[in-house]
């Protein structure tokens, strides 16, 4: 049903601005239908071409999407509005956030050496000692190390690269289900997300091949701790994916190793396999601190130059105070021991929950990382059902493009004793859901 919001304007830019204002202030919610081109043209007494141009601009900027016979609707995560997770209701145990256990994070102490005076760091944007530490971090995993750079987190780097490399309307192959912020980012940039199915070994090669043959110009993946499904590349899966990617040498491959040190699985990287365009990015928020908005990346020379050139023209560099803090933590023996303990703890908690689910006949996936994915028939019924038992889990809709429904459970601070109770409660909810909704 078409929206009742009164779009105004006599030019393409004016019409587009009217829609954008309505989306920004909430008058047009995600999924709201816009009038057909011809109907709006008649209402505004303009040509259909003017409205079509306005809708095209809105699509390119990630504000609306076109769904064939379903018409034009506001994007699920429009570029002028933020899609935030629902607030956790009072009194519930939060297993929805995807955050690490605070008790397994080191204390953050600002560096004692502060940058003296006011000076530009554009000539030396990266601390040499942190670059060396990053290379030592990446070397054992076989990631090529000739070109290393930094960014303000993985999303910052991915957004910058996709903006430089692609144009609105271009397609990006994305994991499905996948990390919701990356899916939202692609939409916000006016790009098209092409779903690529995943399993316990990560991205499925046949699905990737279909996406690339359909014209995807970039591919974003997680080699381990895939969020939300938990898959990790095996050697065989990595080799199969490389075989597909080598047939498309111009595709930019973005490998997001977001959990790295606490993933609970070895890295089987795509980056040393002869790819022409690639970047491997690592962040530290999952094991050093959620407020450390820093990422390290190794890239091919072209990608490195394009990223750093655009960074130079925007923020210029990553704060040297932040770099000093990260360096201190990465090289501290006590912190390294804590991170190793965190990896072991997350693996134990994840395995405990999967075992409890299996004992009750509940299908679930989580081969690595700190999340477990549970396929369900009705997400709302399960989320609300678990809420009545005192649990709060994440509905899978935010993570999905075309894959089936599910819920994500974060196990970071879920002790094995609590896992048994959660599994029992979920089994009860699934039974109730099947009786009510027919499976």
Protein backbone atom coordinates (compact mmCIF):
# COMPACT_ATOMS: atom_id res chain seq x y z
CA UNK A 1 0.00 0.00 0.00
CA UNK A 2 1.40 3.40 -0.98
CA UNK A 3 2.50 5.75 1.72
CA UNK A 4 0.32 8.68 2.77
CA UNK A 5 3.28 11.02 3.13
CA UNK A 6 2.92 13.98 0.73
CA UNK A 7 6.04 14.12 -1.45
CA UNK A 8 6.62 17.56 -2.92
CA UNK A 9 8.87 19.09 -5.57
CA UNK A 10 8.88 20.16 -9.19
CA UNK A 11 12.41 19.02 -10.10
CA UNK A 12 14.20 15.70 -9.69
CA UNK A 13 16.43 17.14 -6.98
CA UNK A 14 13.47 18.67 -5.16
CA UNK A 15 11.51 15.43 -5.20
CA UNK A 16 14.54 13.44 -4.01
CA UNK A 17 15.16 15.96 -1.22
CA UNK A 18 11.53 15.69 -0.08
CA UNK A 19 11.78 11.91 0.20
CA UNK A 20 15.14 12.15 1.96
CA UNK A 21 13.77 14.54 4.58
CA UNK A 22 10.86 12.22 5.26
CA UNK A 23 13.16 9.23 5.69
CA UNK A 24 15.50 11.17 7.96
CA UNK A 25 12.73 12.36 10.30
CA UNK A 26 10.91 9.03 10.34
CA UNK A 27 7.85 10.07 8.35
CA UNK A 28 8.82 7.37 5.85
CA UNK A 29 9.94 4.25 7.68
CA UNK A 30 12.12 1.46 6.26
CA UNK A 31 9.99 -0.61 3.90
CA UNK A 32 7.46 2.16 3.26
CA UNK A 33 6.22 2.13 -0.32
CA UNK A 34 6.61 5.16 -2.57
CA UNK A 35 4.06 6.01 -5.26
CA UNK A 36 4.65 4.64 -8.73
CA UNK A 37 6.54 6.90 -11.11
CA UNK A 38 3.47 7.68 -13.17
CA UNK A 39 1.21 8.30 -10.18
CA UNK A 40 3.65 10.68 -8.49
CA UNK A 41 4.25 12.46 -11.80
CA UNK A 42 0.51 13.04 -12.13
CA UNK A 43 0.23 14.21 -8.49
CA UNK A 44 3.08 16.72 -8.88
CA UNK A 45 2.26 17.75 -12.46
CA UNK A 46 5.75 16.83 -13.68
CA UNK A 47 6.97 14.42 -16.34
CA UNK A 48 7.48 10.74 -15.48
CA UNK A 49 11.10 11.22 -16.48
CA UNK A 50 11.58 13.77 -13.70
CA UNK A 51 10.26 11.35 -11.07
CA UNK A 52 12.28 8.48 -12.53
CA UNK A 53 15.44 10.59 -12.25
CA UNK A 54 14.62 11.43 -8.62
CA UNK A 55 14.06 7.75 -7.78
CA UNK A 56 17.32 6.83 -9.53
CA UNK A 57 19.24 9.36 -7.41
CA UNK A 58 17.62 7.99 -4.24
CA UNK A 59 18.55 4.42 -5.24
CA UNK A 60 22.14 5.37 -5.96
CA UNK A 61 22.44 7.00 -2.55
CA UNK A 62 21.06 3.97 -0.73
CA UNK A 63 17.84 5.61 0.45
CA UNK A 64 15.37 3.49 -1.54
CA UNK A 65 15.40 0.15 -3.31
CA UNK A 66 13.32 -1.13 -6.21
CA UNK A 67 11.68 -4.54 -5.88
CA UNK A 68 10.35 -5.23 -9.36
CA UNK A 69 6.59 -5.50 -9.23
CA UNK A 70 6.84 -4.60 -5.55
CA UNK A 71 7.67 -1.05 -6.58
CA UNK A 72 10.06 1.39 -4.93
CA UNK A 73 10.34 1.30 -1.14
CA UNK A 74 12.50 2.90 1.53
CA UNK A 75 15.65 0.81 2.05
CA UNK A 76 15.76 -1.48 5.12
CA UNK A 77 18.71 0.58 6.38
CA UNK A 78 18.48 3.90 4.53
CA UNK A 79 21.66 5.95 4.27
CA UNK A 80 20.07 8.91 6.07
CA UNK A 81 18.83 6.94 9.09
CA UNK A 82 20.57 4.50 11.42
CA UNK A 83 19.20 1.04 12.11
CA UNK A 84 20.06 0.34 15.71
CA UNK A 85 19.37 -2.88 17.58
CA UNK A 86 16.34 -2.92 19.86
CA UNK A 87 16.99 -1.84 23.42
CA UNK A 88 17.44 -4.74 25.81
CA UNK A 89 14.37 -4.85 28.09
CA UNK A 90 15.05 -4.42 31.79
CA UNK A 91 15.74 -7.58 33.74
CA UNK A 92 16.75 -9.76 30.78
CA UNK A 93 20.03 -11.57 30.23
CA UNK A 94 21.56 -9.96 27.12
CA UNK A 95 22.81 -12.55 24.62
CA UNK A 96 22.15 -10.38 21.58
CA UNK A 97 24.94 -7.81 21.48
CA UNK A 98 27.84 -9.74 19.99
CA UNK A 99 30.22 -8.12 22.48
CA UNK A 100 33.16 -9.75 24.27
CA UNK A 101 33.13 -10.58 27.96
CA UNK A 102 34.35 -7.43 29.79
CA UNK A 103 36.12 -9.66 32.28
CA UNK A 104 38.38 -10.94 29.48
CA UNK A 105 39.47 -7.50 28.25
CA UNK A 106 42.63 -5.73 29.42
CA UNK A 107 42.51 -2.40 31.21
CA UNK A 108 43.02 0.53 28.84
CA UNK A 109 45.73 2.90 30.02
CA UNK A 110 46.53 5.99 27.90
CA UNK A 111 50.16 6.10 26.74
CA UNK A 112 52.57 8.15 28.81
CA UNK A 113 54.20 9.62 25.71
CA UNK A 114 51.84 12.26 24.36
CA UNK A 115 52.44 13.99 21.03
CA UNK A 116 54.28 17.24 21.85
CA UNK A 117 52.80 20.40 20.43
CA UNK A 118 50.63 20.83 17.36
CA UNK A 119 51.94 19.13 14.25
CA UNK A 120 50.64 17.21 11.27
CA UNK A 121 51.21 13.48 11.11
CA UNK A 122 50.39 13.25 7.40
CA UNK A 123 54.04 12.75 6.52
CA UNK A 124 54.32 9.80 8.96
CA UNK A 125 50.76 8.55 9.48
CA UNK A 126 51.78 5.22 11.02
CA UNK A 127 54.06 4.50 13.97
CA UNK A 128 56.95 2.42 12.66
CA UNK A 129 57.03 0.25 15.76
CA UNK A 130 53.31 -0.53 15.43
CA UNK A 131 53.82 -1.42 11.75
CA UNK A 132 56.56 -3.83 12.85
CA UNK A 133 54.28 -5.31 15.50
CA UNK A 134 51.50 -5.78 12.94
CA UNK A 135 53.84 -7.59 10.59
CA UNK A 136 54.90 -9.90 13.40
CA UNK A 137 51.21 -10.49 14.14
CA UNK A 138 50.31 -11.35 10.53
CA UNK A 139 53.46 -13.23 9.48
CA UNK A 140 52.67 -16.62 11.09
CA UNK A 141 49.34 -16.74 9.23
CA UNK A 142 50.88 -16.37 5.77
CA UNK A 143 49.42 -12.94 4.95
CA UNK A 144 51.67 -11.03 2.49
CA UNK A 145 53.30 -8.12 4.33
CA UNK A 146 54.77 -5.77 1.72
CA UNK A 147 52.06 -3.13 2.12
CA UNK A 148 50.53 -2.48 5.56
CA UNK A 149 48.17 0.34 6.48
CA UNK A 150 45.84 1.43 9.31
CA UNK A 151 42.23 2.60 9.51
CA UNK A 152 39.60 3.59 12.07
CA UNK A 153 38.16 0.08 12.22
CA UNK A 154 37.11 -2.46 9.60
CA UNK A 155 33.93 -0.65 8.57
CA UNK A 156 35.93 2.54 8.00
CA UNK A 157 38.38 0.71 5.77
CA UNK A 158 35.76 -1.27 3.86
CA UNK A 159 33.64 1.82 3.30
CA UNK A 160 36.62 3.80 2.02
CA UNK A 161 37.71 1.05 -0.36
CA UNK A 162 34.24 0.41 -1.76
CA UNK A 163 33.77 4.14 -2.32
CA UNK A 164 37.06 4.37 -4.21
CA UNK A 165 36.65 1.16 -6.19
CA UNK A 166 32.94 1.03 -7.04
CA UNK A 167 30.14 3.27 -8.20
CA UNK A 168 26.50 3.44 -7.05
CA UNK A 169 24.59 0.52 -8.48
CA UNK A 170 27.60 -1.83 -8.58
CA UNK A 171 27.22 -5.24 -6.97
CA UNK A 172 29.11 -6.62 -3.97
CA UNK A 173 29.09 -10.32 -3.06
CA UNK A 174 28.15 -10.52 0.64
CA UNK A 175 27.84 -13.40 3.10
CA UNK A 176 24.24 -14.41 3.82
CA UNK A 177 23.58 -14.44 6.70
CA UNK A 178 26.27 -11.87 7.33
CA UNK A 179 27.41 -9.03 9.57
CA UNK A 180 24.51 -6.57 9.62
CA UNK A 181 26.66 -3.42 9.77
CA UNK A 182 28.49 -4.45 6.60
CA UNK A 183 25.20 -5.22 4.87
CA UNK A 184 23.87 -1.81 5.93
CA UNK A 185 27.07 -0.11 4.79
CA UNK A 186 26.80 -1.56 1.30
CA UNK A 187 23.22 -0.34 1.02
CA UNK A 188 24.14 3.09 2.38
CA UNK A 189 26.81 3.46 -0.30
CA UNK A 190 24.21 2.87 -3.00
CA UNK A 191 25.67 -0.53 -3.88
CA UNK A 192 23.80 -3.79 -4.42
CA UNK A 193 24.44 -6.67 -2.03
CA UNK A 194 24.40 -10.04 -3.80
CA UNK A 195 23.79 -12.82 -1.27
CA UNK A 196 26.34 -15.63 -1.00
CA UNK A 197 25.36 -18.56 1.20
CA UNK A 198 27.55 -19.84 4.03
CA UNK A 199 27.97 -23.03 6.03
CA UNK A 200 30.32 -24.34 8.73
CA UNK A 201 33.28 -23.85 6.39
CA UNK A 202 32.34 -20.31 5.48
CA UNK A 203 31.33 -19.04 2.05
CA UNK A 204 30.04 -21.70 -0.35
CA UNK A 205 32.10 -21.71 -3.58
CA UNK A 206 29.18 -22.39 -5.91
CA UNK A 207 27.26 -19.44 -4.44
CA UNK A 208 30.29 -17.18 -4.83
CA UNK A 209 30.69 -18.26 -8.43
CA UNK A 210 27.08 -17.35 -9.18
CA UNK A 211 27.53 -13.90 -7.60
CA UNK A 212 30.69 -13.17 -9.56
CA UNK A 213 29.19 -14.36 -12.84
CA UNK A 214 26.25 -12.04 -12.10
CA UNK A 215 28.69 -9.11 -12.10
CA UNK A 216 29.79 -8.56 -8.48
CA UNK A 217 32.86 -6.32 -8.50
CA UNK A 218 33.89 -6.90 -4.88
CA UNK A 219 33.63 -9.75 -2.39
CA UNK A 220 33.58 -9.29 1.40
CA UNK A 221 34.11 -12.34 3.59
CA UNK A 222 35.20 -13.56 7.02
CA UNK A 223 37.75 -16.39 7.00
CA UNK A 224 36.85 -17.42 10.57
CA UNK A 225 34.38 -16.48 13.31
CA UNK A 226 31.90 -15.60 10.56
CA UNK A 227 29.18 -13.43 12.05
CA UNK A 228 26.51 -14.65 12.76
CA UNK A 229 26.91 -18.25 11.50
CA UNK A 230 30.35 -19.00 12.94
CA UNK A 231 31.91 -20.66 9.90
CA UNK A 232 35.67 -20.87 9.30
CA UNK A 233 37.60 -21.71 6.16
CA UNK A 234 39.06 -25.19 5.94
CA UNK A 235 42.08 -25.71 3.70
CA UNK A 236 39.84 -27.37 1.13
CA UNK A 237 37.27 -24.56 1.23
CA UNK A 238 39.95 -21.88 0.96
CA UNK A 239 41.41 -23.60 -2.11
CA UNK A 240 37.98 -23.99 -3.71
CA UNK A 241 37.22 -20.29 -3.19
CA UNK A 242 40.57 -19.33 -4.68
CA UNK A 243 39.79 -21.38 -7.77
CA UNK A 244 36.60 -19.38 -8.24
CA UNK A 245 38.21 -15.99 -7.52
CA UNK A 246 41.18 -16.53 -9.86
CA UNK A 247 38.72 -16.66 -12.75
CA UNK A 248 37.73 -13.05 -11.88
CA UNK A 249 41.05 -11.25 -11.35
CA UNK A 250 39.59 -7.72 -11.26
CA UNK A 251 37.31 -8.43 -8.28
CA UNK A 252 38.43 -6.80 -5.03
CA UNK A 253 38.54 -9.40 -2.24
CA UNK A 254 38.09 -8.01 1.28
CA UNK A 255 38.99 -10.52 4.00
CA UNK A 256 37.64 -9.33 7.36
CA UNK A 257 39.41 -11.22 10.16
CA UNK A 258 37.51 -9.33 12.85
CA UNK A 259 37.95 -11.80 15.73
CA UNK A 260 41.44 -13.10 14.82
CA UNK A 261 43.09 -13.75 18.20
CA UNK A 262 39.91 -15.09 19.84
CA UNK A 263 38.34 -16.80 16.84
CA UNK A 264 39.10 -20.29 18.09
CA UNK A 265 40.17 -21.46 14.63
CA UNK A 266 43.33 -21.11 12.50
CA UNK A 267 43.42 -18.59 9.67
CA UNK A 268 43.24 -20.02 6.16
CA UNK A 269 43.76 -16.80 4.24
CA UNK A 270 42.88 -16.17 0.62
CA UNK A 271 45.48 -13.45 0.31
CA UNK A 272 48.57 -15.54 -0.46
CA UNK A 273 46.92 -17.49 -3.26
CA UNK A 274 47.72 -15.36 -6.30
CA UNK A 275 44.88 -12.85 -6.11
CA UNK A 276 45.44 -9.58 -7.94
CA UNK A 277 43.25 -7.31 -5.80
CA UNK A 278 42.92 -8.08 -2.10
CA UNK A 279 42.99 -6.72 1.44
CA UNK A 280 43.19 -8.54 4.77
CA UNK A 281 41.89 -6.44 7.67
CA UNK A 282 42.10 -7.08 11.40
CA UNK A 283 40.58 -5.20 14.30
CA UNK A 284 41.21 -5.49 18.04
CA UNK A 285 37.84 -4.53 19.55
CA UNK A 286 36.88 -8.15 20.29
CA UNK A 287 39.90 -8.84 22.49
CA UNK A 288 41.61 -5.55 23.45
CA UNK A 289 38.64 -3.23 23.91
CA UNK A 290 35.44 -2.26 22.13
CA UNK A 291 36.44 1.42 22.22
CA UNK A 292 39.69 0.86 20.28
CA UNK A 293 38.50 1.94 16.84
CA UNK A 294 41.62 0.81 14.99
CA UNK A 295 42.30 -1.67 12.23
CA UNK A 296 45.42 -3.00 10.56
CA UNK A 297 45.32 -4.06 6.94
CA UNK A 298 47.67 -5.72 4.49
CA UNK A 299 46.88 -5.02 0.84
CA UNK A 300 48.08 -5.41 -2.71
CA UNK A 301 49.99 -2.29 -3.86
CA UNK A 302 47.12 -0.76 -5.86
CA UNK A 303 44.60 -1.19 -3.07
CA UNK A 304 47.07 0.16 -0.52
CA UNK A 305 47.74 3.28 -2.59
CA UNK A 306 44.06 3.96 -3.23
CA UNK A 307 43.13 3.53 0.42
CA UNK A 308 45.94 5.70 1.75
CA UNK A 309 45.35 8.36 -0.89
CA UNK A 310 41.72 8.74 0.13
CA UNK A 311 42.60 8.59 3.85
CA UNK A 312 45.12 11.40 3.31
CA UNK A 313 42.37 13.61 1.87
CA UNK A 314 39.91 12.94 4.71
CA UNK A 315 41.00 12.22 8.28
CA UNK A 316 44.65 12.11 7.24
CA UNK A 317 45.84 9.54 9.77
CA UNK A 318 44.77 7.39 12.68
CA UNK A 319 45.43 9.08 16.02
CA UNK A 320 48.96 8.42 17.23
CA UNK A 321 47.61 8.26 20.78
CA UNK A 322 45.39 5.39 19.70
CA UNK A 323 48.30 3.76 17.89
CA UNK A 324 50.46 4.03 21.03
CA UNK A 325 47.74 2.40 23.10
CA UNK A 326 47.31 -0.47 20.65
CA UNK A 327 51.06 -0.97 20.41
CA UNK A 328 51.39 -1.15 24.17
CA UNK A 329 48.68 -3.80 24.40
CA UNK A 330 49.82 -5.89 21.43
CA UNK A 331 53.34 -6.14 22.84
CA UNK A 332 52.45 -6.64 26.51
CA UNK A 333 53.02 -10.21 27.74
CA UNK A 334 50.28 -10.00 30.34
CA UNK A 335 47.76 -8.90 27.72
CA UNK A 336 48.83 -11.68 25.38
CA UNK A 337 48.22 -14.21 28.14
CA UNK A 338 44.78 -12.72 28.82
CA UNK A 339 43.89 -12.88 25.11
CA UNK A 340 44.95 -16.53 24.95
CA UNK A 341 42.74 -17.26 27.97
CA UNK A 342 39.85 -15.41 26.31
CA UNK A 343 40.16 -17.56 23.17
CA UNK A 344 40.06 -20.75 25.24
CA UNK A 345 37.14 -19.50 27.32
CA UNK A 346 35.03 -18.49 24.32
CA UNK A 347 35.67 -21.88 22.70
CA UNK A 348 34.57 -23.69 25.85
CA UNK A 349 31.42 -21.60 26.20
CA UNK A 350 30.52 -21.99 22.54
CA UNK A 351 31.11 -25.75 22.62
CA UNK A 352 29.07 -26.11 25.81
CA UNK A 353 26.04 -24.38 24.29
CA UNK A 354 26.27 -26.37 21.04
CA UNK A 355 26.48 -29.59 23.05
CA UNK A 356 23.43 -28.65 25.13
CA UNK A 357 21.51 -27.79 21.96
CA UNK A 358 22.49 -31.09 20.34
CA UNK A 359 21.40 -33.06 23.41
CA UNK A 360 17.91 -31.56 23.00
CA UNK A 361 17.72 -32.00 19.23
CA UNK A 362 18.10 -28.27 18.47
CA UNK A 363 20.02 -27.56 15.26
CA UNK A 364 22.67 -24.87 15.74
CA UNK A 365 25.88 -23.66 14.12
CA UNK A 366 29.00 -22.06 15.56
CA UNK A 367 32.28 -23.61 14.43
CA UNK A 368 34.28 -20.58 15.60
CA UNK A 369 33.93 -17.15 17.18
CA UNK A 370 31.61 -16.05 19.96
CA UNK A 371 28.18 -16.43 18.33
CA UNK A 372 25.87 -19.36 17.67
CA UNK A 373 23.26 -19.35 14.90
CA UNK A 374 20.00 -21.24 15.45
CA UNK A 375 17.67 -21.72 12.46
CA UNK A 376 14.03 -21.20 13.45
CA UNK A 377 10.70 -21.02 11.68
CA UNK A 378 9.53 -17.76 13.25
CA UNK A 379 12.09 -15.32 14.63
CA UNK A 380 9.63 -13.11 16.48
CA UNK A 381 8.01 -16.06 18.20
CA UNK A 382 11.37 -17.35 19.42
CA UNK A 383 12.71 -13.96 20.51
CA UNK A 384 9.54 -13.17 22.42
CA UNK A 385 9.30 -16.69 23.79
CA UNK A 386 12.83 -16.56 25.20
CA UNK A 387 12.07 -13.12 26.59
CA UNK A 388 9.41 -14.71 28.78
CA UNK A 389 12.14 -16.97 30.21
CA UNK A 390 14.45 -14.04 30.90
CA UNK A 391 16.72 -14.24 27.82
CA UNK A 392 17.29 -11.67 25.09
CA UNK A 393 18.68 -12.94 21.75
CA UNK A 394 19.07 -11.28 18.37
CA UNK A 395 16.46 -11.85 15.67
CA UNK A 396 18.16 -12.93 12.47
CA UNK A 397 16.37 -10.52 10.13
CA UNK A 398 19.12 -7.91 10.53
CA UNK A 399 21.72 -10.41 9.28
CA UNK A 400 19.87 -11.91 6.34
CA UNK A 401 19.45 -11.12 2.66
CA UNK A 402 17.72 -14.21 1.25
CA UNK A 403 18.72 -16.95 3.69
CA UNK A 404 16.26 -18.61 6.05
CA UNK A 405 15.23 -17.18 9.43
CA UNK A 406 17.21 -17.75 12.61
CA UNK A 407 18.35 -16.18 15.86
CA UNK A 408 21.88 -15.30 16.97
CA UNK A 409 23.06 -16.12 20.47
CA UNK A 410 26.24 -14.48 21.78
CA UNK A 411 28.09 -16.88 24.09
CA UNK A 412 30.89 -14.54 25.22
CA UNK A 413 29.81 -14.46 28.87
CA UNK A 414 27.50 -17.49 28.92
CA UNK A 415 28.83 -19.97 31.45
CA UNK A 416 28.27 -23.72 30.75
CA UNK A 417 25.80 -23.99 33.67
CA UNK A 418 23.71 -21.22 32.11
CA UNK A 419 24.00 -22.86 28.68
CA UNK A 420 22.03 -25.88 29.92
CA UNK A 421 19.20 -23.68 31.14
CA UNK A 422 19.13 -21.64 27.92
CA UNK A 423 19.06 -24.79 25.77
CA UNK A 424 16.19 -26.20 27.82
CA UNK A 425 14.25 -22.96 27.59
CA UNK A 426 14.83 -22.69 23.85
CA UNK A 427 13.64 -26.26 23.33
CA UNK A 428 10.42 -25.37 25.16
CA UNK A 429 9.99 -22.23 23.07
CA UNK A 430 10.59 -24.09 19.81
CA UNK A 431 7.99 -26.65 20.83
CA UNK A 432 5.49 -23.93 21.62
CA UNK A 433 6.32 -22.12 18.37
CA UNK A 434 5.81 -25.27 16.31
CA UNK A 435 2.45 -25.89 17.96
CA UNK A 436 1.35 -22.30 17.38
CA UNK A 437 2.87 -21.52 13.97
CA UNK A 438 3.06 -24.94 12.41
CA UNK A 439 6.84 -25.40 12.47
